[in-house]
Amino acid sequence: MNNLMNQKSTDTSNLTPIEIALGIDENGMTTARRLYEFLEMDKSNFSRWVKVNITNNAFAIEDEDFWRFVVEDETPTGGKVEREDYKLTARFAKKLSMTQKNQRGEDARDYFTKVEDGAKEKVLQMQEMSPQLQFMINMELEQKRQKEEQQRQAEKITVIEEKQE
């Protein structure tokens, strides 16, 4: 996890704590290796974990939830080696973090249940407001949701265009 926090500095003002911990970048993505490191899994099992959780995941769609790419690394002896990695959407990385049966997976599940409890409390508070105020708040939330969806789609198009090049 320390390595995740020591990554190059990016604006995290729009990220949730879990997104910061997962190393979500400005495009709303992280890598399988970053997620695996966050989950504190055994480094020797990365390939098996990818196969089970990403490439053979019946609920994951390649080029929508994840994208395959190759990184060229230097070996300790100075040679070059290619290794496969995957870009993961923030949503998919969060799902994977919750499925792990270790302390990090439990931490992720706890985080999301706390977020849900907070959202439930907000809903209850909103129900006590006047109908006019509720309407105005809902309009603002819908506008924000539409803006975020447009941004997500624009980012997705950018990723697809970059992949085509």
N, C-alpha and C. Protein backbone atom coordinates (compact mmCIF):
# COMPACT_ATOMS: atom_id res chain seq x y z
N MET A 1 0.82 -1.18 0.00
CA MET A 1 0.00 0.00 0.00
C MET A 1 0.87 1.25 0.00
N ASN A 2 2.01 1.22 0.68
CA ASN A 2 2.88 2.38 0.69
C ASN A 2 3.27 2.78 -0.72
N ASN A 3 3.51 1.79 -1.58
CA ASN A 3 3.85 2.10 -2.96
C ASN A 3 2.72 2.84 -3.65
N LEU A 4 1.49 2.50 -3.33
CA LEU A 4 0.35 3.19 -3.94
C LEU A 4 0.35 4.65 -3.55
N MET A 5 0.66 4.95 -2.32
CA MET A 5 0.64 6.32 -1.85
C MET A 5 1.84 7.10 -2.35
N ASN A 6 2.92 6.41 -2.73
CA ASN A 6 4.12 7.08 -3.21
C ASN A 6 4.11 7.29 -4.72
N GLN A 7 3.03 6.92 -5.39
CA GLN A 7 2.92 7.12 -6.82
C GLN A 7 2.94 8.61 -7.12
N LYS A 8 3.10 8.99 -8.40
CA LYS A 8 3.13 10.40 -8.74
C LYS A 8 1.87 11.09 -8.23
N SER A 9 2.03 12.34 -7.86
CA SER A 9 0.93 13.08 -7.25
C SER A 9 -0.12 13.45 -8.28
N THR A 10 -1.37 13.13 -7.97
CA THR A 10 -2.48 13.51 -8.83
C THR A 10 -3.53 14.18 -7.97
N ASP A 11 -4.42 14.92 -8.61
CA ASP A 11 -5.51 15.59 -7.91
C ASP A 11 -6.48 14.54 -7.41
N THR A 12 -6.62 14.43 -6.11
CA THR A 12 -7.50 13.43 -5.52
C THR A 12 -8.77 14.04 -4.95
N SER A 13 -9.01 15.31 -5.26
CA SER A 13 -10.16 15.99 -4.65
C SER A 13 -11.49 15.38 -5.06
N ASN A 14 -11.55 14.71 -6.20
CA ASN A 14 -12.80 14.10 -6.65
C ASN A 14 -12.84 12.60 -6.40
N LEU A 15 -11.86 12.08 -5.66
CA LEU A 15 -11.78 10.65 -5.41
C LEU A 15 -12.24 10.31 -4.00
N THR A 16 -12.83 9.16 -3.86
CA THR A 16 -13.21 8.66 -2.55
C THR A 16 -11.97 8.03 -1.90
N PRO A 17 -12.00 7.80 -0.60
CA PRO A 17 -10.83 7.16 0.05
C PRO A 17 -10.46 5.82 -0.58
N ILE A 18 -11.44 5.02 -0.95
CA ILE A 18 -11.12 3.72 -1.55
C ILE A 18 -10.49 3.90 -2.92
N GLU A 19 -10.92 4.91 -3.67
CA GLU A 19 -10.32 5.17 -4.98
C GLU A 19 -8.88 5.62 -4.85
N ILE A 20 -8.60 6.40 -3.82
CA ILE A 20 -7.21 6.82 -3.56
C ILE A 20 -6.37 5.60 -3.21
N ALA A 21 -6.87 4.75 -2.33
CA ALA A 21 -6.13 3.55 -1.92
C ALA A 21 -5.89 2.61 -3.10
N LEU A 22 -6.84 2.53 -4.03
CA LEU A 22 -6.69 1.64 -5.19
C LEU A 22 -5.83 2.26 -6.28
N GLY A 23 -5.43 3.50 -6.13
CA GLY A 23 -4.58 4.15 -7.12
C GLY A 23 -5.33 4.52 -8.39
N ILE A 24 -6.59 4.92 -8.25
CA ILE A 24 -7.39 5.31 -9.42
C ILE A 24 -6.78 6.58 -10.02
N ASP A 25 -6.55 6.57 -11.33
CA ASP A 25 -5.92 7.71 -11.99
C ASP A 25 -6.95 8.72 -12.49
N GLU A 26 -6.48 9.74 -13.18
CA GLU A 26 -7.36 10.80 -13.68
C GLU A 26 -8.35 10.31 -14.73
N ASN A 27 -8.12 9.13 -15.29
CA ASN A 27 -9.04 8.54 -16.27
C ASN A 27 -10.03 7.56 -15.62
N GLY A 28 -10.00 7.48 -14.28
CA GLY A 28 -10.90 6.56 -13.59
C GLY A 28 -10.48 5.11 -13.70
N MET A 29 -9.17 4.88 -13.81
CA MET A 29 -8.65 3.53 -14.01
C MET A 29 -7.53 3.23 -13.00
N THR A 30 -7.30 1.95 -12.78
CA THR A 30 -6.14 1.48 -12.06
C THR A 30 -5.62 0.28 -12.83
N THR A 31 -4.59 -0.37 -12.32
CA THR A 31 -4.09 -1.57 -12.99
C THR A 31 -4.32 -2.78 -12.09
N ALA A 32 -4.32 -3.94 -12.70
CA ALA A 32 -4.49 -5.18 -11.94
C ALA A 32 -3.35 -5.33 -10.94
N ARG A 33 -2.14 -4.97 -11.33
CA ARG A 33 -1.00 -5.09 -10.42
C ARG A 33 -1.13 -4.16 -9.22
N ARG A 34 -1.62 -2.94 -9.43
CA ARG A 34 -1.84 -2.02 -8.31
C ARG A 34 -2.91 -2.58 -7.37
N LEU A 35 -4.00 -3.08 -7.94
CA LEU A 35 -5.07 -3.65 -7.12
C LEU A 35 -4.54 -4.85 -6.35
N TYR A 36 -3.79 -5.70 -7.01
CA TYR A 36 -3.24 -6.90 -6.38
C TYR A 36 -2.33 -6.51 -5.22
N GLU A 37 -1.53 -5.47 -5.42
CA GLU A 37 -0.65 -4.98 -4.36
C GLU A 37 -1.47 -4.43 -3.20
N PHE A 38 -2.52 -3.65 -3.51
CA PHE A 38 -3.41 -3.12 -2.46
C PHE A 38 -4.02 -4.25 -1.64
N LEU A 39 -4.40 -5.32 -2.31
CA LEU A 39 -5.04 -6.45 -1.63
C LEU A 39 -4.05 -7.29 -0.83
N GLU A 40 -2.76 -6.96 -0.96
CA GLU A 40 -1.69 -7.65 -0.22
C GLU A 40 -1.72 -9.15 -0.47
N MET A 41 -1.82 -9.51 -1.74
CA MET A 41 -1.86 -10.91 -2.13
C MET A 41 -0.43 -11.41 -2.37
N ASP A 42 -0.26 -12.72 -2.39
CA ASP A 42 1.03 -13.37 -2.63
C ASP A 42 1.47 -13.09 -4.07
N LYS A 43 2.62 -12.44 -4.21
CA LYS A 43 3.09 -12.02 -5.54
C LYS A 43 3.24 -13.17 -6.52
N SER A 44 3.50 -14.36 -6.02
CA SER A 44 3.72 -15.51 -6.92
C SER A 44 2.41 -16.02 -7.53
N ASN A 45 1.27 -15.56 -7.04
CA ASN A 45 -0.02 -16.04 -7.55
C ASN A 45 -0.73 -15.03 -8.45
N PHE A 46 -0.05 -13.97 -8.88
CA PHE A 46 -0.70 -12.92 -9.66
C PHE A 46 -1.35 -13.47 -10.93
N SER A 47 -0.64 -14.26 -11.69
CA SER A 47 -1.19 -14.79 -12.95
C SER A 47 -2.44 -15.62 -12.72
N ARG A 48 -2.41 -16.46 -11.71
CA ARG A 48 -3.58 -17.28 -11.39
C ARG A 48 -4.76 -16.39 -10.96
N TRP A 49 -4.46 -15.38 -10.14
CA TRP A 49 -5.50 -14.45 -9.66
C TRP A 49 -6.13 -13.71 -10.84
N VAL A 50 -5.31 -13.25 -11.78
CA VAL A 50 -5.83 -12.55 -12.96
C VAL A 50 -6.75 -13.46 -13.76
N LYS A 51 -6.32 -14.68 -13.97
CA LYS A 51 -7.12 -15.62 -14.75
C LYS A 51 -8.49 -15.85 -14.10
N VAL A 52 -8.50 -16.09 -12.80
CA VAL A 52 -9.75 -16.38 -12.10
C VAL A 52 -10.62 -15.13 -11.98
N ASN A 53 -10.03 -13.99 -11.63
CA ASN A 53 -10.81 -12.80 -11.28
C ASN A 53 -11.04 -11.82 -12.42
N ILE A 54 -10.23 -11.90 -13.46
CA ILE A 54 -10.37 -10.92 -14.55
C ILE A 54 -10.70 -11.60 -15.86
N THR A 55 -9.76 -12.34 -16.43
CA THR A 55 -9.97 -12.87 -17.78
C THR A 55 -11.05 -13.94 -17.88
N ASN A 56 -11.21 -14.74 -16.83
CA ASN A 56 -12.25 -15.77 -16.86
C ASN A 56 -13.46 -15.40 -16.00
N ASN A 57 -13.57 -14.15 -15.65
CA ASN A 57 -14.68 -13.67 -14.81
C ASN A 57 -15.93 -13.53 -15.69
N ALA A 58 -16.94 -14.30 -15.38
CA ALA A 58 -18.18 -14.29 -16.18
C ALA A 58 -18.89 -12.95 -16.14
N PHE A 59 -18.58 -12.11 -15.15
CA PHE A 59 -19.24 -10.83 -15.00
C PHE A 59 -18.40 -9.66 -15.49
N ALA A 60 -17.25 -9.94 -16.08
CA ALA A 60 -16.35 -8.90 -16.57
C ALA A 60 -16.31 -8.93 -18.09
N ILE A 61 -16.30 -7.75 -18.69
CA ILE A 61 -16.29 -7.64 -20.15
C ILE A 61 -15.00 -6.95 -20.57
N GLU A 62 -14.22 -7.65 -21.39
CA GLU A 62 -12.98 -7.06 -21.90
C GLU A 62 -13.32 -5.86 -22.75
N ASP A 63 -12.51 -4.83 -22.67
CA ASP A 63 -12.67 -3.54 -23.36
C ASP A 63 -13.85 -2.73 -22.83
N GLU A 64 -14.38 -3.16 -21.69
CA GLU A 64 -15.40 -2.37 -20.99
C GLU A 64 -15.03 -2.27 -19.52
N ASP A 65 -14.73 -3.40 -18.89
CA ASP A 65 -14.31 -3.43 -17.49
C ASP A 65 -12.79 -3.47 -17.36
N PHE A 66 -12.14 -4.08 -18.33
CA PHE A 66 -10.68 -4.19 -18.29
C PHE A 66 -10.11 -4.21 -19.70
N TRP A 67 -8.83 -3.76 -19.80
CA TRP A 67 -8.10 -3.73 -21.06
C TRP A 67 -6.74 -4.35 -20.82
N ARG A 68 -6.35 -5.24 -21.70
CA ARG A 68 -5.06 -5.92 -21.63
C ARG A 68 -3.98 -4.99 -22.21
N PHE A 69 -2.80 -4.96 -21.57
CA PHE A 69 -1.65 -4.25 -22.14
C PHE A 69 -0.36 -4.91 -21.68
N VAL A 70 0.72 -4.60 -22.35
CA VAL A 70 2.02 -5.20 -22.06
C VAL A 70 2.98 -4.10 -21.61
N VAL A 71 3.73 -4.38 -20.56
CA VAL A 71 4.72 -3.46 -20.02
C VAL A 71 6.09 -4.10 -20.20
N GLU A 72 7.05 -3.30 -20.65
CA GLU A 72 8.42 -3.81 -20.76
C GLU A 72 9.18 -3.39 -19.52
N ASP A 73 9.68 -4.37 -18.77
CA ASP A 73 10.42 -4.12 -17.54
C ASP A 73 11.87 -4.55 -17.71
N GLU A 74 12.69 -4.02 -16.82
CA GLU A 74 14.09 -4.41 -16.81
C GLU A 74 14.28 -5.48 -15.73
N THR A 75 15.03 -6.51 -16.07
CA THR A 75 15.32 -7.57 -15.10
C THR A 75 16.47 -7.12 -14.22
N PRO A 76 16.68 -7.80 -13.08
CA PRO A 76 17.81 -7.44 -12.20
C PRO A 76 19.16 -7.54 -12.91
N THR A 77 19.24 -8.36 -13.95
CA THR A 77 20.51 -8.52 -14.68
C THR A 77 20.66 -7.52 -15.82
N GLY A 78 19.68 -6.63 -15.98
CA GLY A 78 19.77 -5.61 -17.02
C GLY A 78 19.07 -5.98 -18.31
N GLY A 79 18.49 -7.15 -18.39
CA GLY A 79 17.76 -7.54 -19.59
C GLY A 79 16.37 -6.95 -19.61
N LYS A 80 15.66 -7.21 -20.67
CA LYS A 80 14.28 -6.72 -20.81
C LYS A 80 13.32 -7.90 -20.79
N VAL A 81 12.19 -7.69 -20.15
CA VAL A 81 11.16 -8.71 -20.10
C VAL A 81 9.81 -8.03 -20.26
N GLU A 82 8.94 -8.66 -21.03
CA GLU A 82 7.59 -8.14 -21.19
C GLU A 82 6.67 -8.84 -20.21
N ARG A 83 5.81 -8.06 -19.55
CA ARG A 83 4.83 -8.67 -18.66
C ARG A 83 3.47 -8.07 -18.94
N GLU A 84 2.48 -8.91 -18.79
CA GLU A 84 1.11 -8.51 -19.08
C GLU A 84 0.49 -7.86 -17.85
N ASP A 85 -0.31 -6.84 -18.08
CA ASP A 85 -1.07 -6.20 -17.02
C ASP A 85 -2.43 -5.82 -17.60
N TYR A 86 -3.28 -5.28 -16.78
CA TYR A 86 -4.64 -4.94 -17.21
C TYR A 86 -5.03 -3.61 -16.62
N LYS A 87 -5.61 -2.75 -17.43
CA LYS A 87 -6.23 -1.53 -16.94
C LYS A 87 -7.63 -1.93 -16.48
N LEU A 88 -8.01 -1.48 -15.29
CA LEU A 88 -9.31 -1.81 -14.73
C LEU A 88 -10.09 -0.53 -14.46
N THR A 89 -11.37 -0.54 -14.74
CA THR A 89 -12.18 0.61 -14.36
C THR A 89 -12.25 0.65 -12.84
N ALA A 90 -12.50 1.83 -12.31
CA ALA A 90 -12.62 1.98 -10.86
C ALA A 90 -13.74 1.08 -10.34
N ARG A 91 -14.84 1.04 -11.06
CA ARG A 91 -15.99 0.24 -10.63
C ARG A 91 -15.61 -1.24 -10.53
N PHE A 92 -14.93 -1.75 -11.55
CA PHE A 92 -14.53 -3.15 -11.57
C PHE A 92 -13.51 -3.44 -10.46
N ALA A 93 -12.54 -2.53 -10.27
CA ALA A 93 -11.54 -2.71 -9.22
C ALA A 93 -12.20 -2.76 -7.84
N LYS A 94 -13.21 -1.91 -7.64
CA LYS A 94 -13.92 -1.92 -6.36
C LYS A 94 -14.64 -3.25 -6.16
N LYS A 95 -15.27 -3.74 -7.21
CA LYS A 95 -15.95 -5.04 -7.11
C LYS A 95 -14.96 -6.14 -6.74
N LEU A 96 -13.82 -6.14 -7.41
CA LEU A 96 -12.82 -7.17 -7.13
C LEU A 96 -12.28 -7.05 -5.71
N SER A 97 -12.11 -5.81 -5.24
CA SER A 97 -11.58 -5.63 -3.88
C SER A 97 -12.54 -6.21 -2.84
N MET A 98 -13.84 -6.14 -3.12
CA MET A 98 -14.82 -6.65 -2.15
C MET A 98 -14.92 -8.18 -2.16
N THR A 99 -14.44 -8.82 -3.22
CA THR A 99 -14.57 -10.27 -3.31
C THR A 99 -13.42 -11.02 -2.65
N GLN A 100 -12.36 -10.32 -2.28
CA GLN A 100 -11.20 -11.00 -1.71
C GLN A 100 -11.48 -11.46 -0.29
N LYS A 101 -11.06 -12.66 -0.01
CA LYS A 101 -11.29 -13.26 1.31
C LYS A 101 -10.05 -13.10 2.18
N ASN A 102 -9.68 -11.83 2.39
CA ASN A 102 -8.58 -11.51 3.29
C ASN A 102 -8.92 -10.20 4.02
N GLN A 103 -7.99 -9.69 4.82
CA GLN A 103 -8.28 -8.49 5.61
C GLN A 103 -8.57 -7.29 4.72
N ARG A 104 -7.86 -7.16 3.60
CA ARG A 104 -8.10 -6.03 2.69
C ARG A 104 -9.49 -6.11 2.09
N GLY A 105 -9.93 -7.29 1.73
CA GLY A 105 -11.29 -7.46 1.22
C GLY A 105 -12.31 -7.09 2.28
N GLU A 106 -12.04 -7.48 3.51
CA GLU A 106 -12.93 -7.13 4.62
C GLU A 106 -12.96 -5.61 4.83
N ASP A 107 -11.79 -4.98 4.72
CA ASP A 107 -11.72 -3.52 4.84
C ASP A 107 -12.57 -2.85 3.75
N ALA A 108 -12.49 -3.36 2.54
CA ALA A 108 -13.29 -2.80 1.44
C ALA A 108 -14.78 -2.99 1.70
N ARG A 109 -15.16 -4.18 2.13
CA ARG A 109 -16.58 -4.43 2.43
C ARG A 109 -17.07 -3.51 3.54
N ASP A 110 -16.26 -3.34 4.59
CA ASP A 110 -16.63 -2.44 5.68
C ASP A 110 -16.82 -1.01 5.17
N TYR A 111 -15.89 -0.59 4.32
CA TYR A 111 -15.97 0.77 3.76
C TYR A 111 -17.29 0.96 3.02
N PHE A 112 -17.64 0.03 2.15
CA PHE A 112 -18.84 0.19 1.35
C PHE A 112 -20.12 0.08 2.18
N THR A 113 -20.11 -0.72 3.22
CA THR A 113 -21.30 -0.76 4.08
C THR A 113 -21.45 0.54 4.85
N LYS A 114 -20.34 1.15 5.26
CA LYS A 114 -20.41 2.46 5.93
C LYS A 114 -20.92 3.53 4.98
N VAL A 115 -20.46 3.49 3.74
CA VAL A 115 -20.94 4.45 2.74
C VAL A 115 -22.45 4.28 2.54
N GLU A 116 -22.89 3.02 2.45
CA GLU A 116 -24.32 2.77 2.27
C GLU A 116 -25.13 3.25 3.47
N ASP A 117 -24.60 3.04 4.68
CA ASP A 117 -25.29 3.53 5.87
C ASP A 117 -25.41 5.06 5.83
N GLY A 118 -24.35 5.73 5.39
CA GLY A 118 -24.38 7.19 5.28
C GLY A 118 -25.41 7.64 4.25
N ALA A 119 -25.48 6.92 3.13
CA ALA A 119 -26.45 7.27 2.08
C ALA A 119 -27.87 7.07 2.60
N LYS A 120 -28.08 5.99 3.34
CA LYS A 120 -29.41 5.72 3.90
C LYS A 120 -29.82 6.86 4.84
N GLU A 121 -28.89 7.33 5.66
CA GLU A 121 -29.15 8.43 6.59
C GLU A 121 -29.53 9.70 5.81
N LYS A 122 -28.83 9.97 4.72
CA LYS A 122 -29.15 11.15 3.89
C LYS A 122 -30.56 11.04 3.31
N VAL A 123 -30.93 9.87 2.87
CA VAL A 123 -32.28 9.67 2.31
C VAL A 123 -33.33 9.95 3.38
N LEU A 124 -33.10 9.45 4.58
CA LEU A 124 -34.05 9.69 5.67
C LEU A 124 -34.15 11.18 6.00
N GLN A 125 -33.01 11.88 5.99
CA GLN A 125 -33.03 13.32 6.24
C GLN A 125 -33.79 14.06 5.14
N MET A 126 -33.60 13.62 3.91
CA MET A 126 -34.25 14.29 2.78
C MET A 126 -35.77 14.10 2.83
N GLN A 127 -36.21 12.95 3.31
CA GLN A 127 -37.65 12.70 3.39
C GLN A 127 -38.35 13.66 4.35
N GLU A 128 -37.59 14.24 5.26
CA GLU A 128 -38.15 15.18 6.22
C GLU A 128 -38.24 16.60 5.65
N MET A 129 -37.67 16.85 4.47
CA MET A 129 -37.68 18.18 3.85
C MET A 129 -38.99 18.43 3.11
N SER A 130 -39.22 19.69 2.79
CA SER A 130 -40.42 20.04 2.03
C SER A 130 -40.33 19.46 0.63
N PRO A 131 -41.47 19.21 -0.03
CA PRO A 131 -41.45 18.67 -1.39
C PRO A 131 -40.70 19.57 -2.38
N GLN A 132 -40.81 20.88 -2.21
CA GLN A 132 -40.13 21.81 -3.11
C GLN A 132 -38.60 21.68 -2.97
N LEU A 133 -38.13 21.62 -1.74
CA LEU A 133 -36.70 21.48 -1.51
C LEU A 133 -36.21 20.12 -2.02
N GLN A 134 -36.98 19.07 -1.80
CA GLN A 134 -36.62 17.76 -2.33
C GLN A 134 -36.50 17.80 -3.85
N PHE A 135 -37.45 18.48 -4.50
CA PHE A 135 -37.42 18.58 -5.96
C PHE A 135 -36.16 19.29 -6.43
N MET A 136 -35.80 20.40 -5.79
CA MET A 136 -34.61 21.16 -6.19
C MET A 136 -33.34 20.33 -5.99
N ILE A 137 -33.26 19.63 -4.90
CA ILE A 137 -32.09 18.80 -4.63
C ILE A 137 -31.99 17.68 -5.65
N ASN A 138 -33.12 17.04 -5.95
CA ASN A 138 -33.12 15.96 -6.94
C ASN A 138 -32.73 16.47 -8.33
N MET A 139 -33.17 17.67 -8.68
CA MET A 139 -32.77 18.26 -9.98
C MET A 139 -31.26 18.46 -10.03
N GLU A 140 -30.70 19.00 -8.96
CA GLU A 140 -29.27 19.24 -8.92
C GLU A 140 -28.50 17.92 -8.98
N LEU A 141 -28.95 16.93 -8.24
CA LEU A 141 -28.29 15.62 -8.27
C LEU A 141 -28.35 14.98 -9.65
N GLU A 142 -29.49 15.12 -10.32
CA GLU A 142 -29.64 14.56 -11.67
C GLU A 142 -28.72 15.26 -12.66
N GLN A 143 -28.60 16.57 -12.55
CA GLN A 143 -27.68 17.30 -13.43
C GLN A 143 -26.24 16.85 -13.19
N LYS A 144 -25.88 16.68 -11.94
CA LYS A 144 -24.53 16.21 -11.62
C LYS A 144 -24.31 14.81 -12.17
N ARG A 145 -25.30 13.93 -12.01
CA ARG A 145 -25.18 12.57 -12.51
C ARG A 145 -25.01 12.55 -14.02
N GLN A 146 -25.77 13.39 -14.73
CA GLN A 146 -25.66 13.46 -16.19
C GLN A 146 -24.30 13.97 -16.61
N LYS A 147 -23.79 14.97 -15.91
CA LYS A 147 -22.46 15.50 -16.22
C LYS A 147 -21.39 14.44 -16.03
N GLU A 148 -21.48 13.70 -14.92
CA GLU A 148 -20.51 12.63 -14.66
C GLU A 148 -20.61 11.52 -15.70
N GLU A 149 -21.82 11.19 -16.12
CA GLU A 149 -22.01 10.16 -17.14
C GLU A 149 -21.42 10.61 -18.47
N GLN A 150 -21.62 11.87 -18.83
CA GLN A 150 -21.03 12.40 -20.06
C GLN A 150 -19.51 12.35 -19.99
N GLN A 151 -18.96 12.70 -18.83
CA GLN A 151 -17.51 12.65 -18.66
C GLN A 151 -17.00 11.21 -18.75
N ARG A 152 -17.72 10.28 -18.14
CA ARG A 152 -17.33 8.86 -18.19
C ARG A 152 -17.34 8.36 -19.62
N GLN A 153 -18.36 8.73 -20.38
CA GLN A 153 -18.45 8.30 -21.76
C GLN A 153 -17.34 8.92 -22.61
N ALA A 154 -17.02 10.19 -22.35
CA ALA A 154 -15.94 10.85 -23.07
C ALA A 154 -14.61 10.16 -22.78
N GLU A 155 -14.38 9.79 -21.52
CA GLU A 155 -13.15 9.10 -21.15
C GLU A 155 -13.09 7.72 -21.79
N LYS A 156 -14.22 7.05 -21.86
CA LYS A 156 -14.28 5.73 -22.49
C LYS A 156 -13.95 5.85 -23.98
N ILE A 157 -14.47 6.87 -24.63
CA ILE A 157 -14.16 7.10 -26.04
C ILE A 157 -12.68 7.36 -26.22
N THR A 158 -12.09 8.15 -25.32
CA THR A 158 -10.66 8.44 -25.39
C THR A 158 -9.84 7.16 -25.27
N VAL A 159 -10.21 6.30 -24.34
CA VAL A 159 -9.49 5.03 -24.16
C VAL A 159 -9.61 4.17 -25.42
N ILE A 160 -10.79 4.12 -25.99
CA ILE A 160 -11.00 3.32 -27.21
C ILE A 160 -10.18 3.91 -28.36
N GLU A 161 -10.17 5.23 -28.50
CA GLU A 161 -9.39 5.87 -29.56
C GLU A 161 -7.90 5.60 -29.38
N GLU A 162 -7.42 5.66 -28.13
CA GLU A 162 -6.01 5.38 -27.86
C GLU A 162 -5.68 3.94 -28.20
N LYS A 163 -6.60 3.04 -27.90
CA LYS A 163 -6.36 1.63 -28.19
C LYS A 163 -6.30 1.37 -29.70
N GLN A 164 -7.15 2.09 -30.46
CA GLN A 164 -7.17 1.92 -31.91
C GLN A 164 -5.87 2.40 -32.54
N GLU A 165 -5.27 3.44 -31.95
CA GLU A 165 -3.99 3.96 -32.49
C GLU A 165 -2.90 2.96 -32.27
